[in-house]
Amino acid sequence: MADIIQIDDIVVVTLAGELDNLEANKIRSTISSSIFTGTVKAVIWNLSKLGFMDSAGIGLILGRMRDLAPYKGETFILNPSPTMEKIFSFSGLASNIRHGSVDSVLGEIGGVLHEK
């Protein structure tokens, strides 16, 4: 399951449960559509509630990073499990990993979480 919200020019994707190929395909087009507007400067992937992710999930994140590159956008991987953190680190993404809250990452990149 994915909860996708856009806060100004930042997309926050909170993943929960299991992320497999079927679910990744559902999420991919939504996020890419937002990125291709040219108004997104960052994507925060909150993985704190994610129990399982296969290679399609890693591809989902890497592909959106590639989509963001022409717009000089940033990607943040928030609270991955220890196993996922190793995989992302081996993939050269250690500098994209953060531990903490969505709010703390928003603060790092100049966004503000507007509570409802």
PDB file of N, CA and C in Angstrom:
ATOM      1  N   MET A   1       0.843  -1.178   0.000  1.00  0.00           N
ATOM      2  CA  MET A   1       0.000   0.000   0.000  1.00  0.00           C
ATOM      3  C   MET A   1       0.886   1.239   0.000  1.00  0.00           C
ATOM      4  N   ALA A   2       0.430   2.266  -0.694  1.00  0.00           N
ATOM      5  CA  ALA A   2       1.185   3.509  -0.750  1.00  0.00           C
ATOM      6  C   ALA A   2       0.263   4.687  -0.480  1.00  0.00           C
ATOM      7  N   ASP A   3       0.762   5.611   0.313  1.00  0.00           N
ATOM      8  CA  ASP A   3       0.095   6.886   0.534  1.00  0.00           C
ATOM      9  C   ASP A   3       1.005   7.930  -0.094  1.00  0.00           C
ATOM     10  N   ILE A   4       0.516   8.624  -1.113  1.00  0.00           N
ATOM     11  CA  ILE A   4       1.327   9.587  -1.845  1.00  0.00           C
ATOM     12  C   ILE A   4       0.689  10.957  -1.695  1.00  0.00           C
ATOM     13  N   ILE A   5       1.460  11.892  -1.138  1.00  0.00           N
ATOM     14  CA  ILE A   5       0.977  13.265  -1.004  1.00  0.00           C
ATOM     15  C   ILE A   5       2.031  14.200  -1.565  1.00  0.00           C
ATOM     16  N   GLN A   6       1.574  15.347  -2.046  1.00  0.00           N
ATOM     17  CA  GLN A   6       2.511  16.360  -2.505  1.00  0.00           C
ATOM     18  C   GLN A   6       2.364  17.572  -1.610  1.00  0.00           C
ATOM     19  N   ILE A   7       3.481  18.000  -1.047  1.00  0.00           N
ATOM     20  CA  ILE A   7       3.525  19.161  -0.173  1.00  0.00           C
ATOM     21  C   ILE A   7       4.353  20.201  -0.913  1.00  0.00           C
ATOM     22  N   ASP A   8       3.674  21.160  -1.489  1.00  0.00           N
ATOM     23  CA  ASP A   8       4.317  22.161  -2.336  1.00  0.00           C
ATOM     24  C   ASP A   8       5.090  21.452  -3.446  1.00  0.00           C
ATOM     25  N   ASP A   9       6.412  21.521  -3.424  1.00  0.00           N
ATOM     26  CA  ASP A   9       7.217  20.908  -4.486  1.00  0.00           C
ATOM     27  C   ASP A   9       7.931  19.631  -4.030  1.00  0.00           C
ATOM     28  N   ILE A  10       7.382  18.994  -3.003  1.00  0.00           N
ATOM     29  CA  ILE A  10       7.960  17.765  -2.452  1.00  0.00           C
ATOM     30  C   ILE A  10       6.898  16.672  -2.439  1.00  0.00           C
ATOM     31  N   VAL A  11       7.239  15.515  -2.995  1.00  0.00           N
ATOM     32  CA  VAL A  11       6.340  14.357  -2.970  1.00  0.00           C
ATOM     33  C   VAL A  11       6.777  13.444  -1.832  1.00  0.00           C
ATOM     34  N   VAL A  12       5.833  13.071  -0.982  1.00  0.00           N
ATOM     35  CA  VAL A  12       6.109  12.158   0.125  1.00  0.00           C
ATOM     36  C   VAL A  12       5.353  10.858  -0.152  1.00  0.00           C
ATOM     37  N   VAL A  13       6.115   9.774  -0.245  1.00  0.00           N
ATOM     38  CA  VAL A  13       5.547   8.455  -0.517  1.00  0.00           C
ATOM     39  C   VAL A  13       5.750   7.600   0.733  1.00  0.00           C
ATOM     40  N   THR A  14       4.669   7.223   1.380  1.00  0.00           N
ATOM     41  CA  THR A  14       4.750   6.352   2.547  1.00  0.00           C
ATOM     42  C   THR A  14       4.287   4.969   2.118  1.00  0.00           C
ATOM     43  N   LEU A  15       5.207   4.023   2.200  1.00  0.00           N
ATOM     44  CA  LEU A  15       4.913   2.642   1.793  1.00  0.00           C
ATOM     45  C   LEU A  15       4.672   1.788   3.025  1.00  0.00           C
ATOM     46  N   ALA A  16       3.688   0.906   2.933  1.00  0.00           N
ATOM     47  CA  ALA A  16       3.358   0.034   4.060  1.00  0.00           C
ATOM     48  C   ALA A  16       3.103  -1.375   3.553  1.00  0.00           C
ATOM     49  N   GLY A  17       3.368  -2.342   4.407  1.00  0.00           N
ATOM     50  CA  GLY A  17       3.111  -3.741   4.057  1.00  0.00           C
ATOM     51  C   GLY A  17       4.169  -4.285   3.134  1.00  0.00           C
ATOM     52  N   GLU A  18       3.737  -4.779   1.966  1.00  0.00           N
ATOM     53  CA  GLU A  18       4.656  -5.385   1.014  1.00  0.00           C
ATOM     54  C   GLU A  18       4.649  -4.603  -0.290  1.00  0.00           C
ATOM     55  N   LEU A  19       5.824  -4.405  -0.859  1.00  0.00           N
ATOM     56  CA  LEU A  19       5.954  -3.741  -2.151  1.00  0.00           C
ATOM     57  C   LEU A  19       6.537  -4.731  -3.142  1.00  0.00           C
ATOM     58  N   ASP A  20       5.669  -5.235  -4.007  1.00  0.00           N
ATOM     59  CA  ASP A  20       6.099  -6.176  -5.035  1.00  0.00           C
ATOM     60  C   ASP A  20       5.875  -5.543  -6.405  1.00  0.00           C
ATOM     61  N   ASN A  21       6.086  -6.304  -7.459  1.00  0.00           N
ATOM     62  CA  ASN A  21       6.002  -5.782  -8.820  1.00  0.00           C
ATOM     63  C   ASN A  21       4.633  -5.171  -9.124  1.00  0.00           C
ATOM     64  N   LEU A  22       3.573  -5.836  -8.738  1.00  0.00           N
ATOM     65  CA  LEU A  22       2.228  -5.342  -9.016  1.00  0.00           C
ATOM     66  C   LEU A  22       1.993  -3.988  -8.365  1.00  0.00           C
ATOM     67  N   GLU A  23       2.329  -3.894  -7.106  1.00  0.00           N
ATOM     68  CA  GLU A  23       2.138  -2.632  -6.375  1.00  0.00           C
ATOM     69  C   GLU A  23       3.071  -1.545  -6.914  1.00  0.00           C
ATOM     70  N   ALA A  24       4.308  -1.897  -7.245  1.00  0.00           N
ATOM     71  CA  ALA A  24       5.271  -0.920  -7.779  1.00  0.00           C
ATOM     72  C   ALA A  24       4.754  -0.305  -9.072  1.00  0.00           C
ATOM     73  N   ASN A  25       4.150  -1.112  -9.922  1.00  0.00           N
ATOM     74  CA  ASN A  25       3.617  -0.602 -11.183  1.00  0.00           C
ATOM     75  C   ASN A  25       2.495   0.398 -10.955  1.00  0.00           C
ATOM     76  N   LYS A  26       1.679   0.169  -9.945  1.00  0.00           N
ATOM     77  CA  LYS A  26       0.586   1.096  -9.631  1.00  0.00           C
ATOM     78  C   LYS A  26       1.136   2.455  -9.174  1.00  0.00           C
ATOM     79  N   ILE A  27       2.209   2.421  -8.415  1.00  0.00           N
ATOM     80  CA  ILE A  27       2.788   3.626  -7.829  1.00  0.00           C
ATOM     81  C   ILE A  27       3.602   4.417  -8.857  1.00  0.00           C
ATOM     82  N   ARG A  28       4.289   3.715  -9.724  1.00  0.00           N
ATOM     83  CA  ARG A  28       5.228   4.308 -10.680  1.00  0.00           C
ATOM     84  C   ARG A  28       4.620   5.462 -11.480  1.00  0.00           C
ATOM     85  N   SER A  29       3.482   5.229 -12.099  1.00  0.00           N
ATOM     86  CA  SER A  29       2.916   6.254 -12.977  1.00  0.00           C
ATOM     87  C   SER A  29       2.472   7.486 -12.203  1.00  0.00           C
ATOM     88  N   THR A  30       1.945   7.291 -11.017  1.00  0.00           N
ATOM     89  CA  THR A  30       1.503   8.428 -10.209  1.00  0.00           C
ATOM     90  C   THR A  30       2.668   9.344  -9.874  1.00  0.00           C
ATOM     91  N   ILE A  31       3.760   8.763  -9.413  1.00  0.00           N
ATOM     92  CA  ILE A  31       4.903   9.583  -9.011  1.00  0.00           C
ATOM     93  C   ILE A  31       5.583  10.209 -10.225  1.00  0.00           C
ATOM     94  N   SER A  32       5.764   9.427 -11.283  1.00  0.00           N
ATOM     95  CA  SER A  32       6.410   9.969 -12.479  1.00  0.00           C
ATOM     96  C   SER A  32       5.605  11.126 -13.062  1.00  0.00           C
ATOM     97  N   SER A  33       4.285  11.014 -13.057  1.00  0.00           N
ATOM     98  CA  SER A  33       3.442  12.104 -13.562  1.00  0.00           C
ATOM     99  C   SER A  33       3.693  13.392 -12.788  1.00  0.00           C
ATOM    100  N   SER A  34       3.818  13.281 -11.488  1.00  0.00           N
ATOM    101  CA  SER A  34       4.114  14.465 -10.666  1.00  0.00           C
ATOM    102  C   SER A  34       5.488  15.033 -11.010  1.00  0.00           C
ATOM    103  N   ILE A  35       6.473  14.159 -11.137  1.00  0.00           N
ATOM    104  CA  ILE A  35       7.840  14.603 -11.439  1.00  0.00           C
ATOM    105  C   ILE A  35       7.886  15.310 -12.795  1.00  0.00           C
ATOM    106  N   PHE A  36       7.209  14.755 -13.799  1.00  0.00           N
ATOM    107  CA  PHE A  36       7.292  15.296 -15.155  1.00  0.00           C
ATOM    108  C   PHE A  36       6.595  16.646 -15.316  1.00  0.00           C
ATOM    109  N   THR A  37       5.896  17.110 -14.287  1.00  0.00           N
ATOM    110  CA  THR A  37       5.353  18.471 -14.343  1.00  0.00           C
ATOM    111  C   THR A  37       6.478  19.495 -14.239  1.00  0.00           C
ATOM    112  N   GLY A  38       7.639  19.047 -13.719  1.00  0.00           N
ATOM    113  CA  GLY A  38       8.777  19.948 -13.561  1.00  0.00           C
ATOM    114  C   GLY A  38       8.733  20.776 -12.300  1.00  0.00           C
ATOM    115  N   THR A  39       7.755  20.517 -11.454  1.00  0.00           N
ATOM    116  CA  THR A  39       7.613  21.322 -10.239  1.00  0.00           C
ATOM    117  C   THR A  39       8.050  20.590  -8.973  1.00  0.00           C
ATOM    118  N   VAL A  40       8.499  19.350  -9.107  1.00  0.00           N
ATOM    119  CA  VAL A  40       8.897  18.557  -7.937  1.00  0.00           C
ATOM    120  C   VAL A  40      10.402  18.685  -7.733  1.00  0.00           C
ATOM    121  N   LYS A  41      10.798  19.099  -6.536  1.00  0.00           N
ATOM    122  CA  LYS A  41      12.230  19.228  -6.268  1.00  0.00           C
ATOM    123  C   LYS A  41      12.766  18.080  -5.415  1.00  0.00           C
ATOM    124  N   ALA A  42      11.865  17.283  -4.832  1.00  0.00           N
ATOM    125  CA  ALA A  42      12.327  16.170  -3.989  1.00  0.00           C
ATOM    126  C   ALA A  42      11.228  15.130  -3.846  1.00  0.00           C
ATOM    127  N   VAL A  43      11.679  13.871  -3.674  1.00  0.00           N
ATOM    128  CA  VAL A  43      10.779  12.777  -3.319  1.00  0.00           C
ATOM    129  C   VAL A  43      11.326  12.142  -2.054  1.00  0.00           C
ATOM    130  N   ILE A  44      10.478  12.021  -1.057  1.00  0.00           N
ATOM    131  CA  ILE A  44      10.818  11.362   0.198  1.00  0.00           C
ATOM    132  C   ILE A  44      10.098  10.017   0.210  1.00  0.00           C
ATOM    133  N   TRP A  45      10.870   8.949   0.301  1.00  0.00           N
ATOM    134  CA  TRP A  45      10.313   7.593   0.379  1.00  0.00           C
ATOM    135  C   TRP A  45      10.345   7.177   1.841  1.00  0.00           C
ATOM    136  N   ASN A  46       9.205   7.190   2.513  1.00  0.00           N
ATOM    137  CA  ASN A  46       9.120   6.788   3.919  1.00  0.00           C
ATOM    138  C   ASN A  46       8.869   5.281   3.971  1.00  0.00           C
ATOM    139  N   LEU A  47       9.877   4.532   4.372  1.00  0.00           N
ATOM    140  CA  LEU A  47       9.803   3.075   4.388  1.00  0.00           C
ATOM    141  C   LEU A  47       9.592   2.501   5.788  1.00  0.00           C
ATOM    142  N   SER A  48       9.280   3.352   6.756  1.00  0.00           N
ATOM    143  CA  SER A  48       9.190   2.898   8.144  1.00  0.00           C
ATOM    144  C   SER A  48       8.118   1.829   8.369  1.00  0.00           C
ATOM    145  N   LYS A  49       7.084   1.784   7.523  1.00  0.00           N
ATOM    146  CA  LYS A  49       6.008   0.800   7.687  1.00  0.00           C
ATOM    147  C   LYS A  49       6.084  -0.322   6.657  1.00  0.00           C
ATOM    148  N   LEU A  50       7.169  -0.348   5.888  1.00  0.00           N
ATOM    149  CA  LEU A  50       7.310  -1.346   4.830  1.00  0.00           C
ATOM    150  C   LEU A  50       7.950  -2.609   5.385  1.00  0.00           C
ATOM    151  N   GLY A  51       7.275  -3.737   5.203  1.00  0.00           N
ATOM    152  CA  GLY A  51       7.779  -5.002   5.711  1.00  0.00           C
ATOM    153  C   GLY A  51       8.606  -5.779   4.697  1.00  0.00           C
ATOM    154  N   PHE A  52       8.274  -5.624   3.407  1.00  0.00           N
ATOM    155  CA  PHE A  52       8.944  -6.392   2.359  1.00  0.00           C
ATOM    156  C   PHE A  52       9.006  -5.574   1.081  1.00  0.00           C
ATOM    157  N   MET A  53      10.154  -5.655   0.410  1.00  0.00           N
ATOM    158  CA  MET A  53      10.311  -5.004  -0.881  1.00  0.00           C
ATOM    159  C   MET A  53      11.180  -5.896  -1.752  1.00  0.00           C
ATOM    160  N   ASP A  54      10.691  -6.234  -2.947  1.00  0.00           N
ATOM    161  CA  ASP A  54      11.518  -7.029  -3.848  1.00  0.00           C
ATOM    162  C   ASP A  54      12.258  -6.098  -4.812  1.00  0.00           C
ATOM    163  N   SER A  55      12.892  -6.670  -5.822  1.00  0.00           N
ATOM    164  CA  SER A  55      13.714  -5.868  -6.727  1.00  0.00           C
ATOM    165  C   SER A  55      12.893  -4.824  -7.478  1.00  0.00           C
ATOM    166  N   ALA A  56      11.607  -5.071  -7.678  1.00  0.00           N
ATOM    167  CA  ALA A  56      10.753  -4.087  -8.341  1.00  0.00           C
ATOM    168  C   ALA A  56      10.642  -2.810  -7.512  1.00  0.00           C
ATOM    169  N   GLY A  57      10.638  -2.955  -6.206  1.00  0.00           N
ATOM    170  CA  GLY A  57      10.587  -1.786  -5.325  1.00  0.00           C
ATOM    171  C   GLY A  57      11.855  -0.965  -5.408  1.00  0.00           C
ATOM    172  N   ILE A  58      12.990  -1.651  -5.451  1.00  0.00           N
ATOM    173  CA  ILE A  58      14.261  -0.941  -5.596  1.00  0.00           C
ATOM    174  C   ILE A  58      14.284  -0.238  -6.953  1.00  0.00           C
ATOM    175  N   GLY A  59      13.823  -0.927  -7.992  1.00  0.00           N
ATOM    176  CA  GLY A  59      13.748  -0.329  -9.313  1.00  0.00           C
ATOM    177  C   GLY A  59      12.815   0.874  -9.353  1.00  0.00           C
ATOM    178  N   LEU A  60      11.728   0.810  -8.599  1.00  0.00           N
ATOM    179  CA  LEU A  60      10.792   1.922  -8.513  1.00  0.00           C
ATOM    180  C   LEU A  60      11.509   3.171  -8.001  1.00  0.00           C
ATOM    181  N   ILE A  61      12.241   3.030  -6.921  1.00  0.00           N
ATOM    182  CA  ILE A  61      12.939   4.170  -6.331  1.00  0.00           C
ATOM    183  C   ILE A  61      14.058   4.656  -7.250  1.00  0.00           C
ATOM    184  N   LEU A  62      14.860   3.740  -7.781  1.00  0.00           N
ATOM    185  CA  LEU A  62      15.953   4.141  -8.667  1.00  0.00           C
ATOM    186  C   LEU A  62      15.419   4.814  -9.935  1.00  0.00           C
ATOM    187  N   GLY A  63      14.338   4.304 -10.479  1.00  0.00           N
ATOM    188  CA  GLY A  63      13.748   4.901 -11.673  1.00  0.00           C
ATOM    189  C   GLY A  63      13.227   6.301 -11.445  1.00  0.00           C
ATOM    190  N   ARG A  64      12.612   6.548 -10.277  1.00  0.00           N
ATOM    191  CA  ARG A  64      12.129   7.896  -9.986  1.00  0.00           C
ATOM    192  C   ARG A  64      13.302   8.834  -9.752  1.00  0.00           C
ATOM    193  N   MET A  65      14.416   8.315  -9.223  1.00  0.00           N
ATOM    194  CA  MET A  65      15.628   9.140  -9.097  1.00  0.00           C
ATOM    195  C   MET A  65      16.090   9.577 -10.484  1.00  0.00           C
ATOM    196  N   ARG A  66      16.045   8.659 -11.428  1.00  0.00           N
ATOM    197  CA  ARG A  66      16.435   8.960 -12.805  1.00  0.00           C
ATOM    198  C   ARG A  66      15.476   9.994 -13.409  1.00  0.00           C
ATOM    199  N   ASP A  67      14.180   9.863 -13.125  1.00  0.00           N
ATOM    200  CA  ASP A  67      13.209  10.841 -13.606  1.00  0.00           C
ATOM    201  C   ASP A  67      13.479  12.239 -13.049  1.00  0.00           C
ATOM    202  N   LEU A  68      13.904  12.299 -11.788  1.00  0.00           N
ATOM    203  CA  LEU A  68      14.159  13.582 -11.128  1.00  0.00           C
ATOM    204  C   LEU A  68      15.448  14.253 -11.599  1.00  0.00           C
ATOM    205  N   ALA A  69      16.398  13.489 -12.067  1.00  0.00           N
ATOM    206  CA  ALA A  69      17.730  14.017 -12.411  1.00  0.00           C
ATOM    207  C   ALA A  69      17.692  15.236 -13.335  1.00  0.00           C
ATOM    208  N   PRO A  70      16.933  15.240 -14.421  1.00  0.00           N
ATOM    209  CA  PRO A  70      16.929  16.423 -15.299  1.00  0.00           C
ATOM    210  C   PRO A  70      16.404  17.690 -14.610  1.00  0.00           C
ATOM    211  N   TYR A  71      15.661  17.524 -13.536  1.00  0.00           N
ATOM    212  CA  TYR A  71      15.091  18.649 -12.799  1.00  0.00           C
ATOM    213  C   TYR A  71      15.930  19.014 -11.570  1.00  0.00           C
ATOM    214  N   LYS A  72      17.091  18.377 -11.452  1.00  0.00           N
ATOM    215  CA  LYS A  72      17.990  18.592 -10.297  1.00  0.00           C
ATOM    216  C   LYS A  72      17.288  18.272  -8.984  1.00  0.00           C
ATOM    217  N   GLY A  73      16.393  17.263  -9.013  1.00  0.00           N
ATOM    218  CA  GLY A  73      15.644  16.885  -7.826  1.00  0.00           C
ATOM    219  C   GLY A  73      16.421  15.944  -6.924  1.00  0.00           C
ATOM    220  N   GLU A  74      15.997  15.880  -5.682  1.00  0.00           N
ATOM    221  CA  GLU A  74      16.650  15.039  -4.676  1.00  0.00           C
ATOM    222  C   GLU A  74      15.727  13.899  -4.263  1.00  0.00           C
ATOM    223  N   THR A  75      16.349  12.793  -3.865  1.00  0.00           N
ATOM    224  CA  THR A  75      15.619  11.635  -3.361  1.00  0.00           C
ATOM    225  C   THR A  75      16.119  11.316  -1.965  1.00  0.00           C
ATOM    226  N   PHE A  76      15.181  11.073  -1.060  1.00  0.00           N
ATOM    227  CA  PHE A  76      15.511  10.699   0.307  1.00  0.00           C
ATOM    228  C   PHE A  76      14.811   9.388   0.637  1.00  0.00           C
ATOM    229  N   ILE A  77      15.555   8.450   1.201  1.00  0.00           N
ATOM    230  CA  ILE A  77      15.025   7.150   1.598  1.00  0.00           C
ATOM    231  C   ILE A  77      14.995   7.155   3.127  1.00  0.00           C
ATOM    232  N   LEU A  78      13.806   7.185   3.669  1.00  0.00           N
ATOM    233  CA  LEU A  78      13.617   7.402   5.103  1.00  0.00           C
ATOM    234  C   LEU A  78      13.292   6.098   5.826  1.00  0.00           C
ATOM    235  N   ASN A  79      14.061   5.798   6.845  1.00  0.00           N
ATOM    236  CA  ASN A  79      13.823   4.674   7.753  1.00  0.00           C
ATOM    237  C   ASN A  79      13.693   3.304   7.083  1.00  0.00           C
ATOM    238  N   PRO A  80      14.645   2.949   6.218  1.00  0.00           N
ATOM    239  CA  PRO A  80      14.582   1.590   5.666  1.00  0.00           C
ATOM    240  C   PRO A  80      14.928   0.567   6.747  1.00  0.00           C
ATOM    241  N   SER A  81      14.469  -0.668   6.577  1.00  0.00           N
ATOM    242  CA  SER A  81      14.853  -1.736   7.504  1.00  0.00           C
ATOM    243  C   SER A  81      16.357  -1.952   7.357  1.00  0.00           C
ATOM    244  N   PRO A  82      16.992  -2.611   8.324  1.00  0.00           N
ATOM    245  CA  PRO A  82      18.439  -2.874   8.208  1.00  0.00           C
ATOM    246  C   PRO A  82      18.811  -3.601   6.911  1.00  0.00           C
ATOM    247  N   THR A  83      18.000  -4.557   6.495  1.00  0.00           N
ATOM    248  CA  THR A  83      18.280  -5.280   5.250  1.00  0.00           C
ATOM    249  C   THR A  83      18.158  -4.364   4.045  1.00  0.00           C
ATOM    250  N   MET A  84      17.075  -3.577   3.990  1.00  0.00           N
ATOM    251  CA  MET A  84      16.900  -2.646   2.882  1.00  0.00           C
ATOM    252  C   MET A  84      18.006  -1.594   2.864  1.00  0.00           C
ATOM    253  N   GLU A  85      18.428  -1.160   4.050  1.00  0.00           N
ATOM    254  CA  GLU A  85      19.496  -0.154   4.118  1.00  0.00           C
ATOM    255  C   GLU A  85      20.790  -0.702   3.515  1.00  0.00           C
ATOM    256  N   LYS A  86      21.093  -1.971   3.781  1.00  0.00           N
ATOM    257  CA  LYS A  86      22.286  -2.584   3.182  1.00  0.00           C
ATOM    258  C   LYS A  86      22.180  -2.611   1.664  1.00  0.00           C
ATOM    259  N   ILE A  87      21.019  -2.984   1.166  1.00  0.00           N
ATOM    260  CA  ILE A  87      20.818  -3.049  -0.294  1.00  0.00           C
ATOM    261  C   ILE A  87      20.980  -1.663  -0.914  1.00  0.00           C
ATOM    262  N   PHE A  88      20.376  -0.666  -0.323  1.00  0.00           N
ATOM    263  CA  PHE A  88      20.513   0.696  -0.855  1.00  0.00           C
ATOM    264  C   PHE A  88      21.960   1.177  -0.755  1.00  0.00           C
ATOM    265  N   SER A  89      22.628   0.849   0.331  1.00  0.00           N
ATOM    266  CA  SER A  89      24.034   1.246   0.479  1.00  0.00           C
ATOM    267  C   SER A  89      24.910   0.586  -0.575  1.00  0.00           C
ATOM    268  N   PHE A  90      24.698  -0.706  -0.800  1.00  0.00           N
ATOM    269  CA  PHE A  90      25.460  -1.409  -1.845  1.00  0.00           C
ATOM    270  C   PHE A  90      25.161  -0.843  -3.230  1.00  0.00           C
ATOM    271  N   SER A  91      23.982  -0.253  -3.393  1.00  0.00           N
ATOM    272  CA  SER A  91      23.601   0.341  -4.671  1.00  0.00           C
ATOM    273  C   SER A  91      24.129   1.768  -4.823  1.00  0.00           C
ATOM    274  N   GLY A  92      24.903   2.225  -3.845  1.00  0.00           N
ATOM    275  CA  GLY A  92      25.486   3.565  -3.909  1.00  0.00           C
ATOM    276  C   GLY A  92      24.572   4.662  -3.408  1.00  0.00           C
ATOM    277  N   LEU A  93      23.564   4.307  -2.641  1.00  0.00           N
ATOM    278  CA  LEU A  93      22.584   5.289  -2.185  1.00  0.00           C
ATOM    279  C   LEU A  93      22.681   5.615  -0.699  1.00  0.00           C
ATOM    280  N   ALA A  94      23.788   5.300  -0.083  1.00  0.00           N
ATOM    281  CA  ALA A  94      23.927   5.546   1.358  1.00  0.00           C
ATOM    282  C   ALA A  94      23.692   7.017   1.709  1.00  0.00           C
ATOM    283  N   SER A  95      24.112   7.928   0.844  1.00  0.00           N
ATOM    284  CA  SER A  95      23.952   9.357   1.143  1.00  0.00           C
ATOM    285  C   SER A  95      22.492   9.808   1.043  1.00  0.00           C
ATOM    286  N   ASN A  96      21.632   8.998   0.479  1.00  0.00           N
ATOM    287  CA  ASN A  96      20.211   9.329   0.357  1.00  0.00           C
ATOM    288  C   ASN A  96      19.394   8.836   1.549  1.00  0.00           C
ATOM    289  N   ILE A  97      19.986   8.018   2.406  1.00  0.00           N
ATOM    290  CA  ILE A  97      19.273   7.406   3.526  1.00  0.00           C
ATOM    291  C   ILE A  97      19.226   8.368   4.711  1.00  0.00           C
ATOM    292  N   ARG A  98      18.044   8.458   5.304  1.00  0.00           N
ATOM    293  CA  ARG A  98      17.848   9.263   6.507  1.00  0.00           C
ATOM    294  C   ARG A  98      17.088   8.425   7.525  1.00  0.00           C
ATOM    295  N   HIS A  99      17.297   8.759   8.794  1.00  0.00           N
ATOM    296  CA  HIS A  99      16.539   8.140   9.889  1.00  0.00           C
ATOM    297  C   HIS A  99      15.886   9.264  10.667  1.00  0.00           C
ATOM    298  N   GLY A 100      14.606   9.124  10.922  1.00  0.00           N
ATOM    299  CA  GLY A 100      13.884  10.168  11.641  1.00  0.00           C
ATOM    300  C   GLY A 100      12.481  10.290  11.100  1.00  0.00           C
ATOM    301  N   SER A 101      11.960  11.502  11.122  1.00  0.00           N
ATOM    302  CA  SER A 101      10.582  11.740  10.693  1.00  0.00           C
ATOM    303  C   SER A 101      10.543  12.414   9.328  1.00  0.00           C
ATOM    304  N   VAL A 102       9.395  12.336   8.701  1.00  0.00           N
ATOM    305  CA  VAL A 102       9.193  13.054   7.441  1.00  0.00           C
ATOM    306  C   VAL A 102       9.434  14.536   7.682  1.00  0.00           C
ATOM    307  N   ASP A 103       8.951  15.036   8.803  1.00  0.00           N
ATOM    308  CA  ASP A 103       9.115  16.444   9.147  1.00  0.00           C
ATOM    309  C   ASP A 103      10.596  16.848   9.198  1.00  0.00           C
ATOM    310  N   SER A 104      11.451  15.964   9.735  1.00  0.00           N
ATOM    311  CA  SER A 104      12.873  16.309   9.822  1.00  0.00           C
ATOM    312  C   SER A 104      13.505  16.406   8.437  1.00  0.00           C
ATOM    313  N   VAL A 105      13.095  15.528   7.516  1.00  0.00           N
ATOM    314  CA  VAL A 105      13.614  15.597   6.146  1.00  0.00           C
ATOM    315  C   VAL A 105      13.051  16.821   5.436  1.00  0.00           C
ATOM    316  N   LEU A 106      11.775  17.107   5.641  1.00  0.00           N
ATOM    317  CA  LEU A 106      11.200  18.319   5.055  1.00  0.00           C
ATOM    318  C   LEU A 106      11.975  19.553   5.519  1.00  0.00           C
ATOM    319  N   GLY A 107      12.311  19.577   6.807  1.00  0.00           N
ATOM    320  CA  GLY A 107      13.098  20.690   7.330  1.00  0.00           C
ATOM    321  C   GLY A 107      14.466  20.791   6.677  1.00  0.00           C
ATOM    322  N   GLU A 108      15.061  19.660   6.400  1.00  0.00           N
ATOM    323  CA  GLU A 108      16.384  19.614   5.762  1.00  0.00           C
ATOM    324  C   GLU A 108      16.341  20.229   4.361  1.00  0.00           C
ATOM    325  N   ILE A 109      15.221  20.026   3.655  1.00  0.00           N
ATOM    326  CA  ILE A 109      15.155  20.500   2.276  1.00  0.00           C
ATOM    327  C   ILE A 109      14.261  21.727   2.117  1.00  0.00           C
ATOM    328  N   GLY A 110      13.812  22.287   3.225  1.00  0.00           N
ATOM    329  CA  GLY A 110      13.081  23.534   3.172  1.00  0.00           C
ATOM    330  C   GLY A 110      11.590  23.429   2.970  1.00  0.00           C
ATOM    331  N   GLY A 111      11.012  22.269   3.203  1.00  0.00           N
ATOM    332  CA  GLY A 111       9.565  22.105   3.090  1.00  0.00           C
ATOM    333  C   GLY A 111       8.913  22.186   4.443  1.00  0.00           C
ATOM    334  N   VAL A 112       7.595  22.274   4.441  1.00  0.00           N
ATOM    335  CA  VAL A 112       6.842  22.338   5.687  1.00  0.00           C
ATOM    336  C   VAL A 112       5.671  21.377   5.590  1.00  0.00           C
ATOM    337  N   LEU A 113       5.504  20.549   6.594  1.00  0.00           N
ATOM    338  CA  LEU A 113       4.369  19.635   6.653  1.00  0.00           C
ATOM    339  C   LEU A 113       3.156  20.399   7.173  1.00  0.00           C
ATOM    340  N   HIS A 114       2.126  20.483   6.340  1.00  0.00           N
ATOM    341  CA  HIS A 114       0.905  21.180   6.713  1.00  0.00           C
ATOM    342  C   HIS A 114      -0.063  20.169   7.297  1.00  0.00           C
ATOM    343  N   GLU A 115      -0.196  20.147   8.600  1.00  0.00           N
ATOM    344  CA  GLU A 115      -1.106  19.199   9.258  1.00  0.00           C
ATOM    345  C   GLU A 115      -2.538  19.601   8.959  1.00  0.00           C
ATOM    346  N   LYS A 116      -3.387  18.604   8.783  1.00  0.00           N
ATOM    347  CA  LYS A 116      -4.816  18.874   8.514  1.00  0.00           C
ATOM    348  C   LYS A 116      -5.571  19.000   9.809  1.00  0.00           C
TER     349      LYS A 116
END
